[in-house]
Protein backbone atom coordinates (compact mmCIF):
# COMPACT_ATOMS: atom_id res chain seq x y z
CA MET A 1 4.64 13.40 -20.99
CA GLU A 2 3.78 15.14 -17.83
CA TYR A 3 6.82 15.50 -15.66
CA ASP A 4 4.72 16.29 -12.59
CA ILE A 5 3.29 12.77 -12.58
CA ILE A 6 6.73 11.21 -13.03
CA LEU A 7 8.17 13.32 -10.21
CA LEU A 8 5.24 12.48 -7.93
CA ASN A 9 5.68 8.75 -8.62
CA LEU A 10 9.38 9.07 -7.84
CA VAL A 11 8.60 10.77 -4.53
CA TYR A 12 6.04 8.05 -3.67
CA THR A 13 8.62 5.40 -4.43
CA ILE A 14 11.32 7.00 -2.31
CA VAL A 15 8.99 7.59 0.65
CA GLY A 16 7.58 4.05 0.40
CA THR A 17 11.05 2.56 0.27
CA LEU A 18 12.19 4.53 3.31
CA LEU A 19 9.07 3.47 5.22
CA ALA A 20 9.67 -0.17 4.28
CA LEU A 21 13.27 0.07 5.50
CA VAL A 22 12.15 1.60 8.79
CA PHE A 23 9.54 -1.12 9.33
CA MET A 24 12.00 -3.90 8.50
CA VAL A 25 14.65 -2.55 10.88
CA GLY A 26 11.91 -2.22 13.50
CA GLY A 27 10.85 -5.81 12.80
CA TYR A 28 14.42 -7.02 13.22
CA LYS A 29 14.79 -5.10 16.49
CA LEU A 30 11.45 -6.49 17.71
CA PHE A 31 12.53 -10.02 16.77
CA ASP A 32 15.81 -9.49 18.63
CA PHE A 33 13.92 -8.16 21.68
CA ILE A 34 11.35 -10.99 21.75
CA THR A 35 13.80 -13.87 21.41
CA PRO A 36 15.64 -14.97 24.55
CA PHE A 37 19.00 -15.09 22.73
CA ASP A 38 21.25 -12.54 21.05
CA THR A 39 20.48 -12.69 17.34
CA SER A 40 23.82 -11.23 16.23
CA ALA A 41 25.78 -13.71 18.34
CA GLN A 42 23.76 -16.61 16.95
CA LEU A 43 24.44 -15.46 13.39
CA GLU A 44 28.17 -15.27 14.14
CA LYS A 45 28.06 -18.84 15.49
CA GLY A 46 26.47 -20.00 12.24
CA ASN A 47 22.96 -20.79 13.49
CA ILE A 48 21.13 -21.70 10.29
CA ALA A 49 17.62 -21.32 11.72
CA VAL A 50 18.26 -17.73 12.81
CA GLY A 51 19.84 -17.03 9.44
CA ILE A 52 16.72 -18.27 7.66
CA ILE A 53 14.49 -16.03 9.77
CA ILE A 54 16.68 -12.97 9.22
CA GLY A 55 16.85 -13.80 5.52
CA SER A 56 13.06 -13.93 5.36
CA ILE A 57 12.91 -10.47 6.92
CA PHE A 58 15.11 -9.11 4.15
CA ILE A 59 13.19 -11.01 1.44
CA SER A 60 9.99 -9.42 2.70
CA LEU A 61 11.76 -6.07 2.46
CA GLY A 62 12.54 -6.75 -1.18
CA ILE A 63 8.95 -7.77 -1.90
CA SER A 64 7.51 -4.70 -0.21
CA VAL A 65 9.93 -2.33 -1.96
CA GLY A 66 9.14 -4.01 -5.29
CA LEU A 67 5.43 -3.57 -4.71
CA VAL A 68 5.89 0.07 -3.77
CA ILE A 69 7.91 0.73 -6.91
CA GLY A 70 5.51 -1.24 -9.09
CA LEU A 71 2.41 0.44 -7.74
CA GLY A 72 4.08 3.84 -7.84
CA LEU A 73 4.62 3.52 -11.58
CA ASN A 74 0.96 2.82 -12.35
């Protein structure tokens, strides 16, 4: 096995994961900025609709990280 290829795939995976995290945090901040209400306060009050939207942001994070890892191993 060539360890250079394995190391390069690991680096691609780490960089892709960090980029996905940055974009998801940016997406959350943009969502919080666009909406006329405070997202954190609505989550504390138990607003289910806001919880679903925030949950979908984190699900998309998981999908994007999974794709990065999967494509990095090919």
